[in-house]
Amino acid sequence: MIEGFEKGSLVIVNLVNPKEKFFGVLAALSPAGVTIRAINLDSFDDWIHQIARNEELDLDLMTMFVPLFRVERIFLDEASGSIKSYSQRFLEVVGRSLPDWMG
């Protein structure tokens, strides 16, 4: 692993070919690629609201391996000034932290 990106870190992964963005939990980072348990950011708001309403989930985290050639950037999920992190948004809407909700 790379310093600051330990297993269990909440991350945002930007991919190319095709362009996609995922938010989730880092499982592994190696020269071959990245393994994450994540959800596409296009589905994030719908997903957290389903959880908050205790609905049956149509959307959920998925475990995936992405080869390194597709990875453009990996960010730690951190707030930036007044812009909340995805984990803060999850906590506000669901009422529990993501790691707590995942068990």
N, C-alpha and C. Protein backbone atom coordinates (compact mmCIF):
# COMPACT_ATOMS: atom_id res chain seq x y z
N MET A 1 0.84 -1.18 0.00
CA MET A 1 0.00 0.00 0.00
C MET A 1 0.88 1.24 0.00
N ILE A 2 0.31 2.33 -0.39
CA ILE A 2 1.01 3.61 -0.44
C ILE A 2 0.63 4.39 0.81
N GLU A 3 1.61 5.10 1.39
CA GLU A 3 1.35 5.85 2.61
C GLU A 3 0.12 6.74 2.47
N GLY A 4 -0.76 6.67 3.47
CA GLY A 4 -1.99 7.45 3.46
C GLY A 4 -3.16 6.71 2.83
N PHE A 5 -2.86 5.69 2.05
CA PHE A 5 -3.90 4.90 1.38
C PHE A 5 -3.87 3.48 1.92
N GLU A 6 -4.21 3.36 3.20
CA GLU A 6 -4.21 2.05 3.84
C GLU A 6 -5.51 1.31 3.55
N LYS A 7 -5.46 0.01 3.74
CA LYS A 7 -6.66 -0.80 3.60
C LYS A 7 -7.73 -0.24 4.52
N GLY A 8 -8.94 -0.08 4.01
CA GLY A 8 -10.04 0.47 4.79
C GLY A 8 -10.23 1.97 4.61
N SER A 9 -9.30 2.63 3.90
CA SER A 9 -9.45 4.08 3.65
C SER A 9 -10.65 4.32 2.74
N LEU A 10 -11.38 5.40 3.00
CA LEU A 10 -12.48 5.80 2.11
C LEU A 10 -11.87 6.63 0.99
N VAL A 11 -12.15 6.24 -0.24
CA VAL A 11 -11.51 6.85 -1.39
C VAL A 11 -12.50 7.16 -2.51
N ILE A 12 -12.05 8.04 -3.40
CA ILE A 12 -12.74 8.32 -4.66
C ILE A 12 -11.75 7.93 -5.74
N VAL A 13 -12.19 7.08 -6.66
CA VAL A 13 -11.32 6.59 -7.73
C VAL A 13 -11.87 7.08 -9.06
N ASN A 14 -11.03 7.81 -9.81
CA ASN A 14 -11.37 8.27 -11.15
C ASN A 14 -10.76 7.31 -12.16
N LEU A 15 -11.60 6.79 -13.05
CA LEU A 15 -11.14 5.84 -14.06
C LEU A 15 -11.27 6.45 -15.45
N VAL A 16 -10.51 5.89 -16.38
CA VAL A 16 -10.58 6.29 -17.79
C VAL A 16 -10.90 5.07 -18.64
N ASN A 17 -11.37 5.33 -19.86
CA ASN A 17 -11.65 4.31 -20.87
C ASN A 17 -12.57 3.20 -20.39
N PRO A 18 -13.81 3.45 -20.07
CA PRO A 18 -14.52 4.73 -20.09
C PRO A 18 -14.34 5.50 -18.80
N LYS A 19 -14.67 6.80 -18.86
CA LYS A 19 -14.57 7.65 -17.67
C LYS A 19 -15.65 7.26 -16.68
N GLU A 20 -15.24 6.97 -15.46
CA GLU A 20 -16.15 6.63 -14.38
C GLU A 20 -15.53 7.11 -13.08
N LYS A 21 -16.39 7.35 -12.08
CA LYS A 21 -15.92 7.73 -10.74
C LYS A 21 -16.63 6.85 -9.73
N PHE A 22 -15.87 6.35 -8.76
CA PHE A 22 -16.40 5.49 -7.72
C PHE A 22 -16.00 5.99 -6.35
N PHE A 23 -16.90 5.80 -5.38
CA PHE A 23 -16.63 6.10 -3.97
C PHE A 23 -16.74 4.80 -3.20
N GLY A 24 -15.77 4.58 -2.31
CA GLY A 24 -15.87 3.37 -1.52
C GLY A 24 -14.68 3.14 -0.61
N VAL A 25 -14.53 1.88 -0.24
CA VAL A 25 -13.52 1.46 0.72
C VAL A 25 -12.40 0.76 -0.03
N LEU A 26 -11.18 1.21 0.20
CA LEU A 26 -10.01 0.62 -0.43
C LEU A 26 -9.71 -0.73 0.21
N ALA A 27 -9.62 -1.76 -0.62
CA ALA A 27 -9.29 -3.10 -0.13
C ALA A 27 -7.83 -3.42 -0.39
N ALA A 28 -7.31 -3.01 -1.55
CA ALA A 28 -5.91 -3.28 -1.89
C ALA A 28 -5.45 -2.34 -3.00
N LEU A 29 -4.18 -2.01 -2.96
CA LEU A 29 -3.55 -1.16 -3.98
C LEU A 29 -2.22 -1.80 -4.30
N SER A 30 -2.02 -2.16 -5.58
CA SER A 30 -0.79 -2.85 -5.97
C SER A 30 -0.35 -2.34 -7.33
N PRO A 31 0.84 -2.73 -7.79
CA PRO A 31 1.27 -2.34 -9.13
C PRO A 31 0.33 -2.85 -10.23
N ALA A 32 -0.44 -3.89 -9.93
CA ALA A 32 -1.38 -4.42 -10.93
C ALA A 32 -2.66 -3.61 -11.01
N GLY A 33 -3.07 -2.99 -9.88
CA GLY A 33 -4.31 -2.23 -9.88
C GLY A 33 -4.84 -2.00 -8.49
N VAL A 34 -6.12 -1.66 -8.43
CA VAL A 34 -6.76 -1.32 -7.17
C VAL A 34 -8.02 -2.18 -6.99
N THR A 35 -8.21 -2.66 -5.76
CA THR A 35 -9.43 -3.38 -5.41
C THR A 35 -10.20 -2.52 -4.43
N ILE A 36 -11.46 -2.26 -4.75
CA ILE A 36 -12.30 -1.42 -3.91
C ILE A 36 -13.68 -2.04 -3.76
N ARG A 37 -14.33 -1.71 -2.66
CA ARG A 37 -15.75 -2.03 -2.45
C ARG A 37 -16.44 -0.68 -2.58
N ALA A 38 -17.11 -0.46 -3.70
CA ALA A 38 -17.50 0.90 -4.05
C ALA A 38 -18.81 0.96 -4.82
N ILE A 39 -19.26 2.20 -5.00
CA ILE A 39 -20.46 2.48 -5.79
C ILE A 39 -20.12 3.62 -6.76
N ASN A 40 -20.70 3.55 -7.95
CA ASN A 40 -20.50 4.61 -8.94
C ASN A 40 -21.09 5.91 -8.38
N LEU A 41 -20.37 7.00 -8.52
CA LEU A 41 -20.85 8.28 -7.97
C LEU A 41 -22.16 8.75 -8.61
N ASP A 42 -22.45 8.29 -9.80
CA ASP A 42 -23.74 8.64 -10.42
C ASP A 42 -24.91 8.07 -9.62
N SER A 43 -24.68 7.03 -8.85
CA SER A 43 -25.74 6.37 -8.07
C SER A 43 -25.69 6.70 -6.59
N PHE A 44 -24.70 7.46 -6.14
CA PHE A 44 -24.46 7.67 -4.72
C PHE A 44 -25.67 8.26 -3.99
N ASP A 45 -26.24 9.34 -4.48
CA ASP A 45 -27.37 9.99 -3.78
C ASP A 45 -28.58 9.07 -3.68
N ASP A 46 -28.93 8.39 -4.78
CA ASP A 46 -30.05 7.44 -4.74
C ASP A 46 -29.79 6.35 -3.70
N TRP A 47 -28.56 5.84 -3.67
CA TRP A 47 -28.18 4.76 -2.75
C TRP A 47 -28.33 5.19 -1.30
N ILE A 48 -27.79 6.35 -0.92
CA ILE A 48 -27.86 6.75 0.49
C ILE A 48 -29.29 7.06 0.91
N HIS A 49 -30.11 7.55 -0.02
CA HIS A 49 -31.51 7.81 0.33
C HIS A 49 -32.30 6.51 0.48
N GLN A 50 -31.98 5.49 -0.31
CA GLN A 50 -32.61 4.17 -0.13
C GLN A 50 -32.27 3.62 1.26
N ILE A 51 -31.02 3.76 1.65
CA ILE A 51 -30.59 3.28 2.97
C ILE A 51 -31.33 4.05 4.07
N ALA A 52 -31.39 5.37 3.93
CA ALA A 52 -32.02 6.21 4.95
C ALA A 52 -33.51 5.88 5.11
N ARG A 53 -34.18 5.51 4.02
CA ARG A 53 -35.61 5.18 4.07
C ARG A 53 -35.85 3.71 4.39
N ASN A 54 -34.78 2.97 4.67
CA ASN A 54 -34.88 1.53 4.97
C ASN A 54 -35.57 0.75 3.85
N GLU A 55 -35.34 1.17 2.62
CA GLU A 55 -35.90 0.47 1.47
C GLU A 55 -35.02 -0.72 1.10
N GLU A 56 -35.60 -1.65 0.37
CA GLU A 56 -34.79 -2.72 -0.19
C GLU A 56 -33.84 -2.08 -1.19
N LEU A 57 -32.56 -2.42 -1.11
CA LEU A 57 -31.56 -1.74 -1.93
C LEU A 57 -31.56 -2.26 -3.37
N ASP A 58 -31.81 -1.34 -4.30
CA ASP A 58 -31.62 -1.64 -5.72
C ASP A 58 -30.16 -1.42 -6.09
N LEU A 59 -29.49 -0.59 -5.29
CA LEU A 59 -28.10 -0.23 -5.50
C LEU A 59 -27.32 -0.61 -4.26
N ASP A 60 -26.07 -0.97 -4.44
CA ASP A 60 -25.24 -1.28 -3.27
C ASP A 60 -23.78 -1.25 -3.69
N LEU A 61 -22.92 -1.32 -2.68
CA LEU A 61 -21.49 -1.39 -2.94
C LEU A 61 -21.17 -2.70 -3.65
N MET A 62 -20.18 -2.66 -4.54
CA MET A 62 -19.72 -3.88 -5.20
C MET A 62 -18.21 -3.94 -5.05
N THR A 63 -17.70 -5.15 -4.92
CA THR A 63 -16.26 -5.33 -4.84
C THR A 63 -15.73 -5.50 -6.25
N MET A 64 -14.72 -4.69 -6.59
CA MET A 64 -14.20 -4.74 -7.95
C MET A 64 -12.70 -4.52 -7.98
N PHE A 65 -12.06 -5.13 -8.94
CA PHE A 65 -10.64 -4.90 -9.21
C PHE A 65 -10.56 -4.09 -10.49
N VAL A 66 -9.74 -3.04 -10.47
CA VAL A 66 -9.55 -2.21 -11.66
C VAL A 66 -8.05 -2.23 -11.99
N PRO A 67 -7.70 -2.64 -13.21
CA PRO A 67 -6.28 -2.62 -13.59
C PRO A 67 -5.74 -1.19 -13.55
N LEU A 68 -4.49 -1.07 -13.19
CA LEU A 68 -3.88 0.24 -12.97
C LEU A 68 -3.94 1.13 -14.22
N PHE A 69 -3.91 0.56 -15.41
CA PHE A 69 -3.94 1.40 -16.61
C PHE A 69 -5.25 2.17 -16.75
N ARG A 70 -6.31 1.74 -16.05
CA ARG A 70 -7.60 2.47 -16.08
C ARG A 70 -7.69 3.54 -15.02
N VAL A 71 -6.80 3.51 -14.02
CA VAL A 71 -6.88 4.44 -12.89
C VAL A 71 -6.21 5.76 -13.27
N GLU A 72 -6.99 6.83 -13.25
CA GLU A 72 -6.45 8.16 -13.51
C GLU A 72 -5.96 8.79 -12.22
N ARG A 73 -6.82 8.73 -11.16
CA ARG A 73 -6.48 9.31 -9.86
C ARG A 73 -7.21 8.56 -8.76
N ILE A 74 -6.60 8.60 -7.56
CA ILE A 74 -7.26 8.12 -6.36
C ILE A 74 -7.13 9.21 -5.32
N PHE A 75 -8.26 9.62 -4.76
CA PHE A 75 -8.30 10.65 -3.72
C PHE A 75 -8.77 10.03 -2.42
N LEU A 76 -8.22 10.48 -1.30
CA LEU A 76 -8.83 10.16 -0.02
C LEU A 76 -10.11 10.97 0.07
N ASP A 77 -11.15 10.40 0.62
CA ASP A 77 -12.42 11.09 0.78
C ASP A 77 -12.29 12.08 1.93
N GLU A 78 -12.03 13.33 1.60
CA GLU A 78 -11.82 14.37 2.60
C GLU A 78 -12.65 15.60 2.24
N ALA A 79 -13.10 16.30 3.26
CA ALA A 79 -13.80 17.57 3.04
C ALA A 79 -12.81 18.58 2.49
N SER A 80 -13.33 19.54 1.74
CA SER A 80 -12.48 20.61 1.20
C SER A 80 -13.20 21.93 1.45
N GLY A 81 -12.75 22.64 2.48
CA GLY A 81 -13.42 23.88 2.86
C GLY A 81 -14.85 23.58 3.27
N SER A 82 -15.80 24.23 2.63
CA SER A 82 -17.21 24.01 2.97
C SER A 82 -17.82 22.82 2.21
N ILE A 83 -17.05 22.22 1.31
CA ILE A 83 -17.55 21.07 0.54
C ILE A 83 -17.35 19.81 1.38
N LYS A 84 -18.46 19.13 1.64
CA LYS A 84 -18.43 17.93 2.49
C LYS A 84 -17.88 16.73 1.73
N SER A 85 -17.26 15.83 2.46
CA SER A 85 -16.80 14.58 1.87
C SER A 85 -18.02 13.67 1.64
N TYR A 86 -17.84 12.64 0.83
CA TYR A 86 -18.93 11.70 0.61
C TYR A 86 -19.27 10.96 1.90
N SER A 87 -18.27 10.66 2.72
CA SER A 87 -18.55 9.97 3.98
C SER A 87 -19.33 10.88 4.93
N GLN A 88 -19.10 12.19 4.92
CA GLN A 88 -19.89 13.12 5.73
C GLN A 88 -21.32 13.19 5.21
N ARG A 89 -21.50 13.20 3.91
CA ARG A 89 -22.84 13.21 3.33
C ARG A 89 -23.59 11.93 3.70
N PHE A 90 -22.89 10.79 3.66
CA PHE A 90 -23.49 9.51 4.06
C PHE A 90 -23.96 9.59 5.50
N LEU A 91 -23.11 10.06 6.40
CA LEU A 91 -23.45 10.18 7.82
C LEU A 91 -24.65 11.09 8.03
N GLU A 92 -24.70 12.22 7.35
CA GLU A 92 -25.83 13.16 7.50
C GLU A 92 -27.16 12.54 7.07
N VAL A 93 -27.16 11.84 5.96
CA VAL A 93 -28.40 11.30 5.40
C VAL A 93 -28.81 10.01 6.11
N VAL A 94 -27.87 9.13 6.35
CA VAL A 94 -28.17 7.81 6.90
C VAL A 94 -28.20 7.82 8.43
N GLY A 95 -27.38 8.68 9.04
CA GLY A 95 -27.33 8.75 10.50
C GLY A 95 -26.31 7.81 11.12
N ARG A 96 -25.54 7.14 10.30
CA ARG A 96 -24.46 6.25 10.74
C ARG A 96 -23.28 6.44 9.80
N SER A 97 -22.08 6.17 10.30
CA SER A 97 -20.92 6.26 9.42
C SER A 97 -20.93 5.06 8.46
N LEU A 98 -20.27 5.21 7.34
CA LEU A 98 -20.20 4.12 6.37
C LEU A 98 -19.55 2.88 6.96
N PRO A 99 -18.39 2.99 7.63
CA PRO A 99 -17.81 1.78 8.23
C PRO A 99 -18.74 1.11 9.25
N ASP A 100 -19.48 1.92 10.04
CA ASP A 100 -20.43 1.36 11.00
C ASP A 100 -21.57 0.65 10.27
N TRP A 101 -22.09 1.26 9.22
CA TRP A 101 -23.19 0.68 8.45
C TRP A 101 -22.75 -0.63 7.80
N MET A 102 -21.50 -0.68 7.32
CA MET A 102 -20.98 -1.89 6.66
C MET A 102 -20.74 -3.01 7.67
N GLY A 103 -20.59 -2.64 8.95
CA GLY A 103 -20.37 -3.65 9.98
C GLY A 103 -18.94 -4.04 10.04
